[in-house]
Amino acid sequence: MMHKRMLPLGLTLLSGMILVGCAPEFPAVTAPEARAPADQTVEVTAEAGLPVTADATLDVIKVAQTMDFGSRPNPFGLLAREVNFDRSQMAARLLNDGGGFITEYEEPDFTTAEPIPVRIPVPNWRLAGVLVGESVVALLDTGVQVIEIRPGTRIDGTNWIVIAIDEETATLRNTEDVLPKEITINLQSQLFGLPGAGAPAGGPPGGPGNEFGPGGPGGQGPEMGEER
């Protein structure tokens, strides 16, 4: 009985020995030799870019830290700064295409002479009286009529305006670009009883001549108006 049990075990061992003896032989595997890396430096001949140094990696990191890599809420929409840039470019394009409003310098014409003011005769007027109180009032004798004037009064039919009155004079200014621009009318009495007229231009005639010489010259009348 024991002999029958040992028979299968012996057959198994025999078949295993036969298989081992029939296996092929492989050559021994050896590790490759370590070699130093070859110099792979590329010589750049193009005149562009910046030289890359050993610390270039740190510079790239610094630049990356300053950049804004925020998320875009709408993948198809522009950010606020992109919208502003787009509008500025559109405005620049419209100005270039349409011309826009520009300021061109025009050299002044120095050959054109300035107009010379026209000189007008001084009016032969006088002040017939002046009243100074809470307000100042004067009587102006124009030779045709006597009118009441105050500061700011315009003389009818003329461009003269009263700008100041004191106890003895009245100052008038012309509103046009003429000369004289201002005149002073003096306070004077009426001579020789001429009604409604200004003082005469000259005094009484000189006396007659005699054996010692000719007559004297005529007198000089008072000054009616002084120009400025």
Protein backbone atom coordinates (compact mmCIF):
# COMPACT_ATOMS: atom_id res chain seq x y z
CA MET A 1 0.00 0.00 0.00
CA MET A 2 2.83 2.38 0.84
CA HIS A 3 4.48 1.54 -2.45
CA LYS A 4 1.47 2.62 -4.45
CA ARG A 5 1.42 6.07 -2.76
CA MET A 6 5.11 6.80 -3.47
CA LEU A 7 4.73 6.06 -7.20
CA PRO A 8 2.91 9.28 -8.22
CA LEU A 9 5.32 11.41 -6.16
CA GLY A 10 8.31 9.88 -7.95
CA LEU A 11 6.81 10.47 -11.35
CA THR A 12 6.26 14.17 -10.51
CA LEU A 13 9.85 14.69 -9.42
CA LEU A 14 11.13 12.93 -12.53
CA SER A 15 9.11 15.11 -14.91
CA GLY A 16 10.33 18.28 -13.15
CA MET A 17 13.96 17.26 -13.51
CA ILE A 18 13.43 16.58 -17.25
CA LEU A 19 11.91 20.08 -17.81
CA VAL A 20 14.72 21.81 -15.98
CA GLY A 21 17.32 20.05 -18.04
CA CYS A 22 15.65 21.10 -21.31
CA ALA A 23 15.46 24.96 -20.53
CA PRO A 24 17.59 27.23 -22.87
CA GLU A 25 20.63 29.08 -21.56
CA PHE A 26 20.63 32.99 -21.69
CA PRO A 27 23.76 35.17 -21.79
CA ALA A 28 24.66 37.24 -18.76
CA VAL A 29 23.26 40.83 -18.72
CA THR A 30 25.70 43.61 -17.87
CA ALA A 31 24.88 47.30 -16.99
CA PRO A 32 25.97 50.01 -19.49
CA GLU A 33 28.91 52.18 -18.66
CA ALA A 34 28.15 55.70 -17.36
CA ARG A 35 29.40 58.42 -19.67
CA ALA A 36 29.73 62.17 -19.10
CA PRO A 37 27.08 64.23 -20.97
CA ALA A 38 28.31 65.90 -24.10
CA ASP A 39 28.50 69.70 -24.32
CA GLN A 40 25.14 70.64 -25.88
CA THR A 41 25.52 74.44 -25.72
CA VAL A 42 23.76 76.06 -28.67
CA GLU A 43 25.42 79.15 -30.09
CA VAL A 44 22.77 81.74 -30.89
CA THR A 45 23.65 83.92 -33.86
CA ALA A 46 20.36 85.81 -34.19
CA GLU A 47 20.37 89.45 -32.96
CA ALA A 48 17.29 89.06 -30.79
CA GLY A 49 16.36 88.07 -27.29
CA LEU A 50 18.30 88.29 -24.06
CA PRO A 51 21.13 86.09 -22.87
CA VAL A 52 19.96 83.35 -20.51
CA THR A 53 22.03 82.94 -17.37
CA ALA A 54 21.98 80.44 -14.55
CA ASP A 55 19.67 82.71 -12.51
CA ALA A 56 17.15 83.08 -15.34
CA THR A 57 14.83 80.61 -13.62
CA LEU A 58 14.52 82.89 -10.61
CA ASP A 59 13.68 85.83 -12.88
CA VAL A 60 10.93 83.85 -14.57
CA ILE A 61 9.46 82.96 -11.19
CA LYS A 62 9.48 86.61 -10.10
CA VAL A 63 7.73 87.67 -13.30
CA ALA A 64 5.17 84.90 -12.90
CA GLN A 65 4.41 86.03 -9.35
CA THR A 66 3.61 89.53 -10.54
CA MET A 67 1.23 88.35 -13.25
CA ASP A 68 -2.51 88.14 -12.75
CA PHE A 69 -3.70 84.64 -13.44
CA GLY A 70 -7.20 85.16 -12.08
CA SER A 71 -10.06 83.16 -13.41
CA ARG A 72 -12.28 84.62 -16.16
CA PRO A 73 -15.97 84.59 -15.12
CA ASN A 74 -17.15 84.51 -18.72
CA PRO A 75 -14.82 82.59 -21.02
CA PHE A 76 -16.24 84.47 -24.02
CA GLY A 77 -16.27 87.96 -22.44
CA LEU A 78 -13.53 90.57 -22.06
CA LEU A 79 -12.13 91.75 -18.77
CA ALA A 80 -12.52 95.39 -17.71
CA ARG A 81 -8.99 96.39 -18.75
CA GLU A 82 -9.47 94.61 -22.07
CA VAL A 83 -12.71 96.50 -22.70
CA ASN A 84 -10.97 99.84 -21.96
CA PHE A 85 -8.13 98.96 -24.30
CA ASP A 86 -10.56 97.94 -27.03
CA ARG A 87 -12.44 101.26 -26.70
CA SER A 88 -9.24 103.30 -26.82
CA GLN A 89 -8.15 101.49 -29.97
CA MET A 90 -11.55 102.08 -31.56
CA ALA A 91 -11.40 105.80 -30.73
CA ALA A 92 -7.89 106.04 -32.18
CA ARG A 93 -9.04 104.30 -35.35
CA LEU A 94 -12.01 106.66 -35.76
CA LEU A 95 -9.74 109.70 -35.33
CA ASN A 96 -7.29 108.36 -37.88
CA ASP A 97 -10.03 107.56 -40.40
CA GLY A 98 -12.25 110.59 -39.88
CA GLY A 99 -9.70 113.27 -39.08
CA GLY A 100 -11.26 114.46 -35.82
CA PHE A 101 -10.75 117.90 -34.32
CA ILE A 102 -7.21 119.20 -34.53
CA THR A 103 -5.57 122.49 -33.62
CA GLU A 104 -3.45 124.00 -36.35
CA TYR A 105 -1.14 126.88 -35.59
CA GLU A 106 -1.53 129.89 -37.84
CA GLU A 107 1.35 132.30 -37.98
CA PRO A 108 0.14 135.85 -37.28
CA ASP A 109 0.36 138.36 -40.07
CA PHE A 110 2.72 141.04 -38.81
CA THR A 111 2.52 142.96 -42.08
CA THR A 112 -1.01 144.19 -41.37
CA ALA A 113 -0.83 147.56 -39.69
CA GLU A 114 -3.14 148.33 -36.81
CA PRO A 115 -5.88 150.83 -37.65
CA ILE A 116 -5.07 154.37 -36.64
CA PRO A 117 -7.80 155.97 -34.50
CA VAL A 118 -9.61 158.87 -36.10
CA ARG A 119 -9.03 162.26 -34.47
CA ILE A 120 -12.20 164.27 -33.95
CA PRO A 121 -12.56 167.94 -32.94
CA VAL A 122 -12.97 168.75 -29.25
CA PRO A 123 -16.51 169.95 -28.46
CA ASN A 124 -16.73 173.69 -27.54
CA TRP A 125 -18.73 173.09 -24.36
CA ARG A 126 -18.66 174.58 -20.88
CA LEU A 127 -20.11 173.90 -17.44
CA ALA A 128 -22.67 176.52 -16.50
CA GLY A 129 -22.98 175.32 -12.92
CA VAL A 130 -22.21 172.46 -10.53
CA LEU A 131 -24.27 171.33 -7.54
CA VAL A 132 -22.53 169.00 -5.06
CA GLY A 133 -24.56 167.41 -2.27
CA GLU A 134 -25.68 163.86 -1.63
CA SER A 135 -25.28 163.53 -5.39
CA VAL A 136 -23.47 165.67 -7.93
CA VAL A 137 -25.31 167.44 -10.74
CA ALA A 138 -23.97 169.85 -13.37
CA LEU A 139 -25.36 172.02 -16.15
CA LEU A 140 -23.66 171.51 -19.51
CA ASP A 141 -23.90 174.33 -22.05
CA THR A 142 -23.39 172.89 -25.56
CA GLY A 143 -23.94 176.21 -27.32
CA VAL A 144 -27.33 175.00 -28.49
CA GLN A 145 -28.95 174.02 -25.24
CA VAL A 146 -28.20 173.66 -21.53
CA ILE A 147 -28.75 170.14 -20.19
CA GLU A 148 -28.50 168.56 -16.78
CA ILE A 149 -25.82 165.89 -16.53
CA ARG A 150 -24.80 163.33 -13.94
CA PRO A 151 -22.14 160.58 -13.95
CA GLY A 152 -23.28 158.07 -16.54
CA THR A 153 -25.30 160.55 -18.66
CA ARG A 154 -24.92 160.19 -22.44
CA ILE A 155 -24.96 163.47 -24.33
CA ASP A 156 -27.77 163.31 -26.90
CA GLY A 157 -26.65 162.99 -30.51
CA THR A 158 -23.03 162.17 -29.56
CA ASN A 159 -20.90 159.29 -28.30
CA TRP A 160 -19.77 161.20 -25.19
CA ILE A 161 -20.65 159.82 -21.73
CA VAL A 162 -20.10 161.64 -18.44
CA ILE A 163 -17.81 159.54 -16.22
CA ALA A 164 -16.96 162.02 -13.41
CA ILE A 165 -17.99 165.43 -12.05
CA ASP A 166 -16.31 167.50 -9.35
CA GLU A 167 -16.67 171.12 -8.15
CA GLU A 168 -15.03 172.64 -11.23
CA THR A 169 -14.81 170.07 -14.03
CA ALA A 170 -16.66 167.25 -15.74
CA THR A 171 -14.86 164.38 -17.49
CA LEU A 172 -16.42 162.84 -20.58
CA ARG A 173 -15.36 159.69 -22.43
CA ASN A 174 -16.06 158.72 -26.04
CA THR A 175 -17.38 155.20 -26.62
CA GLU A 176 -15.85 154.96 -30.11
CA ASP A 177 -12.23 154.20 -31.03
CA VAL A 178 -11.31 157.82 -31.66
CA LEU A 179 -8.98 160.49 -30.35
CA PRO A 180 -9.23 162.17 -27.96
CA LYS A 181 -10.70 159.40 -25.85
CA GLU A 182 -11.49 161.64 -22.88
CA ILE A 183 -12.06 165.38 -22.49
CA THR A 184 -12.44 167.69 -19.49
CA ILE A 185 -15.10 170.41 -19.50
CA ASN A 186 -14.34 173.35 -17.17
CA LEU A 187 -16.74 175.42 -15.09
CA GLN A 188 -16.89 178.87 -16.78
CA SER A 189 -19.21 181.85 -16.74
CA GLN A 190 -21.02 183.15 -19.79
CA LEU A 191 -19.37 186.22 -21.34
CA PHE A 192 -20.90 189.22 -23.09
CA GLY A 193 -24.46 188.11 -22.38
CA LEU A 194 -24.78 185.83 -25.38
CA PRO A 195 -27.86 183.68 -24.64
CA GLY A 196 -27.54 179.92 -24.98
CA ALA A 197 -24.02 179.98 -26.43
CA GLY A 198 -20.64 178.98 -25.18
CA ALA A 199 -17.87 181.41 -24.34
CA PRO A 200 -16.38 183.23 -27.32
CA ALA A 201 -13.26 181.91 -28.94
CA GLY A 202 -11.35 185.20 -28.46
CA GLY A 203 -11.37 188.29 -26.24
CA PRO A 204 -12.27 191.85 -27.24
CA PRO A 205 -10.32 193.44 -30.12
CA GLY A 206 -7.12 195.39 -29.46
CA GLY A 207 -6.97 199.18 -29.21
CA PRO A 208 -6.36 201.44 -32.19
CA GLY A 209 -2.87 202.32 -33.27
CA ASN A 210 -1.20 205.68 -32.63
CA GLU A 211 1.95 207.55 -33.55
CA PHE A 212 4.05 205.35 -31.26
CA GLY A 213 3.06 202.06 -32.92
CA PRO A 214 0.30 199.68 -34.05
CA GLY A 215 -2.62 198.65 -31.86
CA GLY A 216 -2.33 195.81 -29.33
CA PRO A 217 -3.45 192.24 -30.08
CA GLY A 218 -6.90 190.97 -29.17
CA GLY A 219 -7.51 189.19 -25.91
CA GLN A 220 -7.56 185.36 -25.67
CA GLY A 221 -10.80 183.71 -24.71
CA PRO A 222 -11.07 181.01 -22.00
CA GLU A 223 -10.33 177.39 -22.86
CA MET A 224 -13.54 175.49 -23.32
CA GLY A 225 -12.37 171.89 -23.29
CA GLU A 226 -9.11 170.10 -22.60
CA GLU A 227 -8.40 166.84 -24.38
CA ARG A 228 -6.55 163.87 -23.00
